[in-house]
Amino acid sequence: MQLTYYGHSCFLLRAGGSAVLFDPFIRPNPLAQEVDVEAIPADFILLSHGHGDHVADVEEIGRRTGAQLVGVAEVVGWFEQKGLNATYGINLGGTVRLPFGSVKMVAAAHSSSLPDGSYGGVAAGFIIEAEGKTLYFAGDTALTYDMKIIGERHKLDVALLPIGGHFTMDVDDALVAADWTGASRIIGMHFDSFPPISINHAEATAKAQQAGKELVLLKIGESVTL
């Protein structure tokens, strides 16, 4: 599996012959201006919740690629009304099996509304199982005891965790989340895009090392093999 970072909480996962895009927020992100949105492939787009900094580019990419949307029913249904291929509207605890593997929706502690202010259902995260590996995409979330369930039920190879604070958990809480979920390798997300979530990279990396964790802070456009 290969993971490419497009800034904020947007990643492209290549697994099992599919291109799986998470929470596309690229054009409005001042740090991602060098990303060629028109070149990003997508067979599936996974949406953790409805906030604009997670769905801003869904319509453009979804129309161009014909990607199938996977997310909580209210968010997926909203895009379906716009004519997108919104196939998989699920809810917490639900699992869908797709050509590349399985996607299970798990709890996140966060709010959710859509760009027009309408109800966005609940915020969520995802457990992805593909190519013999297990990835946890936490979405926007606070530290929550529900993460212990993930550690009890799954053996994670990597966890994608928000670390910017202010709107989500910070790096200190993310390291606790890593303990609870059993993840030794963390890929940070939801940091630096706006002043309230700017972080000190060296300090965050040092904290992770002290906690016995590997914290990967990808540059925008950078890829890593999982």
Protein backbone atom coordinates (compact mmCIF):
# COMPACT_ATOMS: atom_id res chain seq x y z
CA MET A 1 0.00 0.00 0.00
CA GLN A 2 1.13 3.52 -0.75
CA LEU A 3 -0.11 6.64 1.00
CA THR A 4 0.24 10.16 -0.44
CA TYR A 5 -0.44 13.29 1.62
CA TYR A 6 -2.24 16.28 0.09
CA GLY A 7 -2.37 18.40 3.23
CA HIS A 8 -4.70 18.82 6.22
CA SER A 9 -6.52 15.44 6.47
CA CYS A 10 -6.43 14.55 2.78
CA PHE A 11 -4.63 11.37 1.75
CA LEU A 12 -4.65 9.12 -1.28
CA LEU A 13 -4.33 5.43 -0.47
CA ARG A 14 -3.40 3.07 -3.29
CA ALA A 15 -4.38 -0.44 -2.28
CA GLY A 16 -5.63 -3.54 -4.03
CA GLY A 17 -5.65 -1.82 -7.40
CA SER A 18 -7.87 1.04 -6.18
CA ALA A 19 -7.27 4.73 -5.51
CA VAL A 20 -8.94 5.67 -2.21
CA LEU A 21 -9.10 9.38 -1.38
CA PHE A 22 -9.78 10.65 2.15
CA ASP A 23 -11.40 13.99 3.03
CA PRO A 24 -10.41 16.08 -0.02
CA PHE A 25 -9.64 19.64 1.06
CA ILE A 26 -6.99 20.95 -1.31
CA ARG A 27 -7.90 24.02 -3.37
CA PRO A 28 -8.84 26.18 -0.32
CA ASN A 29 -5.73 25.05 1.61
CA PRO A 30 -3.02 27.72 1.20
CA LEU A 31 -0.34 25.12 1.95
CA ALA A 32 -1.46 22.83 -0.90
CA GLN A 33 -1.38 25.25 -3.82
CA GLU A 34 1.22 23.18 -5.66
CA VAL A 35 -1.03 20.10 -5.74
CA ASP A 36 -2.57 19.41 -9.15
CA VAL A 37 -6.14 18.56 -8.15
CA GLU A 38 -7.04 17.64 -11.71
CA ALA A 39 -4.44 14.86 -11.67
CA ILE A 40 -5.63 13.16 -8.48
CA PRO A 41 -7.25 9.77 -9.19
CA ALA A 42 -10.09 8.37 -7.13
CA ASP A 43 -12.13 5.19 -7.32
CA PHE A 44 -13.54 5.80 -3.84
CA ILE A 45 -13.77 8.93 -1.70
CA LEU A 46 -14.08 8.38 2.06
CA LEU A 47 -15.63 11.22 4.02
CA SER A 48 -15.27 11.41 7.80
CA HIS A 49 -17.79 14.25 8.24
CA GLY A 50 -19.33 17.21 6.47
CA HIS A 51 -17.17 20.21 7.40
CA GLY A 52 -15.83 22.26 4.52
CA ASP A 53 -12.21 21.57 5.39
CA HIS A 54 -12.91 17.88 4.63
CA VAL A 55 -15.29 18.00 1.68
CA ALA A 56 -14.29 21.12 -0.28
CA ASP A 57 -13.09 19.25 -3.38
CA VAL A 58 -15.48 16.31 -3.31
CA GLU A 59 -17.78 17.63 -5.99
CA GLU A 60 -15.00 18.49 -8.46
CA ILE A 61 -13.07 15.26 -8.00
CA GLY A 62 -16.19 13.12 -7.75
CA ARG A 63 -17.62 14.42 -11.02
CA ARG A 64 -14.32 14.07 -12.89
CA THR A 65 -13.50 10.56 -11.69
CA GLY A 66 -16.93 9.05 -11.08
CA ALA A 67 -15.63 7.92 -7.68
CA GLN A 68 -18.02 6.19 -5.30
CA LEU A 69 -18.52 8.02 -2.01
CA VAL A 70 -18.29 6.28 1.35
CA GLY A 71 -19.38 8.07 4.50
CA VAL A 72 -22.14 8.66 7.00
CA ALA A 73 -25.53 8.53 5.32
CA GLU A 74 -26.39 12.24 5.72
CA VAL A 75 -23.16 13.45 4.09
CA VAL A 76 -23.26 10.92 1.27
CA GLY A 77 -26.94 11.67 0.66
CA TRP A 78 -26.21 15.40 0.42
CA PHE A 79 -23.71 14.78 -2.38
CA GLU A 80 -26.05 12.30 -4.03
CA GLN A 81 -28.58 15.11 -4.39
CA LYS A 82 -25.89 16.96 -6.34
CA GLY A 83 -25.67 14.06 -8.76
CA LEU A 84 -22.53 12.40 -7.44
CA ASN A 85 -22.01 8.66 -7.32
CA ALA A 86 -22.84 8.45 -3.61
CA THR A 87 -23.07 4.70 -3.27
CA TYR A 88 -22.14 3.84 0.31
CA GLY A 89 -24.02 5.79 2.95
CA ILE A 90 -23.32 3.90 6.17
CA ASN A 91 -23.23 4.67 9.90
CA LEU A 92 -21.20 3.91 13.01
CA GLY A 93 -20.33 0.23 13.27
CA GLY A 94 -21.15 -0.44 9.62
CA THR A 95 -18.73 -2.22 7.30
CA VAL A 96 -18.62 -2.24 3.51
CA ARG A 97 -16.53 -4.62 1.47
CA LEU A 98 -15.00 -3.02 -1.58
CA PRO A 99 -12.69 -4.31 -4.33
CA PHE A 100 -9.56 -3.28 -2.41
CA GLY A 101 -10.64 -4.55 1.04
CA SER A 102 -13.03 -3.53 3.81
CA VAL A 103 -14.00 -0.21 5.38
CA LYS A 104 -15.50 -0.10 8.88
CA MET A 105 -16.93 3.13 10.25
CA VAL A 106 -15.95 3.85 13.85
CA ALA A 107 -16.81 6.61 16.30
CA ALA A 108 -15.18 10.04 16.38
CA ALA A 109 -15.88 12.74 18.96
CA HIS A 110 -16.50 15.84 16.85
CA SER A 111 -19.30 17.92 15.33
CA SER A 112 -20.52 17.71 11.74
CA SER A 113 -22.47 19.96 9.43
CA LEU A 114 -22.44 20.45 5.67
CA PRO A 115 -21.22 23.54 3.79
CA ASP A 116 -24.76 24.93 3.49
CA GLY A 117 -25.30 24.52 7.24
CA SER A 118 -27.53 21.46 6.95
CA TYR A 119 -27.29 18.47 9.27
CA GLY A 120 -24.23 16.32 8.63
CA GLY A 121 -25.00 13.35 10.84
CA VAL A 122 -22.23 12.19 13.15
CA ALA A 123 -18.49 12.49 12.66
CA ALA A 124 -16.62 9.23 12.14
CA GLY A 125 -13.34 7.49 11.51
CA PHE A 126 -12.49 4.43 9.44
CA ILE A 127 -10.70 1.12 9.88
CA ILE A 128 -9.32 0.00 6.51
CA GLU A 129 -8.21 -3.57 5.94
CA ALA A 130 -6.39 -4.15 2.64
CA GLU A 131 -3.42 -6.14 1.37
CA GLY A 132 -3.02 -7.81 4.75
CA LYS A 133 -2.62 -4.47 6.56
CA THR A 134 -4.87 -2.49 8.89
CA LEU A 135 -5.04 1.31 8.83
CA TYR A 136 -6.98 3.58 11.18
CA PHE A 137 -8.05 6.97 9.84
CA ALA A 138 -9.35 8.78 12.91
CA GLY A 139 -10.96 11.76 11.18
CA ASP A 140 -11.50 14.83 13.34
CA THR A 141 -11.78 13.67 16.92
CA ALA A 142 -11.00 14.31 20.53
CA LEU A 143 -9.37 11.61 22.61
CA THR A 144 -12.12 9.16 23.48
CA TYR A 145 -12.32 5.85 25.31
CA ASP A 146 -13.90 4.35 22.19
CA MET A 147 -10.35 4.11 20.87
CA LYS A 148 -9.68 1.34 23.36
CA ILE A 149 -12.20 -0.78 21.46
CA ILE A 150 -10.13 -0.37 18.30
CA GLY A 151 -7.06 -1.64 20.13
CA GLU A 152 -8.99 -4.62 21.46
CA ARG A 153 -10.53 -5.55 18.11
CA HIS A 154 -7.80 -4.74 15.59
CA LYS A 155 -4.04 -5.00 15.17
CA LEU A 156 -3.08 -1.72 13.57
CA ASP A 157 -0.14 -1.24 11.25
CA VAL A 158 -0.55 2.54 11.20
CA ALA A 159 -2.86 5.19 12.63
CA LEU A 160 -3.62 8.50 10.92
CA LEU A 161 -4.34 10.84 13.83
CA PRO A 162 -5.12 14.56 14.11
CA ILE A 163 -2.43 16.36 16.10
CA GLY A 164 -3.09 20.08 15.67
CA GLY A 165 -5.26 20.70 18.74
CA HIS A 166 -7.88 23.48 18.96
CA PHE A 167 -10.49 21.66 16.82
CA THR A 168 -9.24 18.13 17.53
CA MET A 169 -6.87 16.37 19.89
CA ASP A 170 -3.28 17.60 20.04
CA VAL A 171 -0.10 15.56 19.85
CA ASP A 172 -0.19 14.69 23.57
CA ASP A 173 -3.68 13.23 23.28
CA ALA A 174 -2.77 11.57 19.98
CA LEU A 175 0.03 9.69 21.72
CA VAL A 176 -2.46 8.42 24.30
CA ALA A 177 -4.75 7.45 21.43
CA ALA A 178 -1.88 5.54 19.87
CA ASP A 179 -1.41 3.62 23.11
CA TRP A 180 -5.10 2.81 23.37
CA THR A 181 -5.38 1.69 19.74
CA GLY A 182 -2.11 -0.23 19.85
CA ALA A 183 -0.49 1.82 17.09
CA SER A 184 3.28 2.24 17.22
CA ARG A 185 3.40 4.18 13.93
CA ILE A 186 1.45 7.44 13.65
CA ILE A 187 0.98 9.62 10.59
CA GLY A 188 -0.02 13.09 11.69
CA MET A 189 -2.84 15.07 10.10
CA HIS A 190 -5.00 18.15 10.70
CA PHE A 191 -2.07 20.42 11.55
CA ASP A 192 -0.47 23.62 10.21
CA SER A 193 -3.29 24.44 7.74
CA PHE A 194 -4.52 27.41 9.83
CA PRO A 195 -2.81 29.41 12.61
CA PRO A 196 -4.81 27.80 15.47
CA ILE A 197 -3.51 24.33 14.52
CA SER A 198 0.12 25.18 13.76
CA ILE A 199 2.53 22.90 15.61
CA ASN A 200 6.21 22.72 16.50
CA HIS A 201 7.38 19.77 14.42
CA ALA A 202 10.57 19.11 16.37
CA GLU A 203 8.74 19.19 19.69
CA ALA A 204 6.00 16.86 18.43
CA THR A 205 8.53 14.39 17.05
CA ALA A 206 10.52 14.45 20.29
CA LYS A 207 7.39 13.76 22.35
CA ALA A 208 6.60 10.78 20.16
CA GLN A 209 10.11 9.40 20.52
CA GLN A 210 9.91 9.74 24.28
CA ALA A 211 6.62 7.81 24.18
CA GLY A 212 8.19 5.05 22.07
CA LYS A 213 6.17 5.95 18.98
CA GLU A 214 7.13 6.80 15.43
CA LEU A 215 5.45 10.05 14.36
CA VAL A 216 5.59 10.67 10.62
CA LEU A 217 4.92 14.25 9.50
CA LEU A 218 4.63 14.01 5.73
CA LYS A 219 5.27 16.98 3.47
CA ILE A 220 2.43 17.85 1.12
CA GLY A 221 2.81 15.72 -1.98
CA GLU A 222 5.04 13.20 -0.19
CA SER A 223 4.29 9.46 -0.34
CA VAL A 224 5.12 6.62 2.02
CA THR A 225 4.87 2.85 1.60
CA LEU A 226 2.93 1.12 4.37
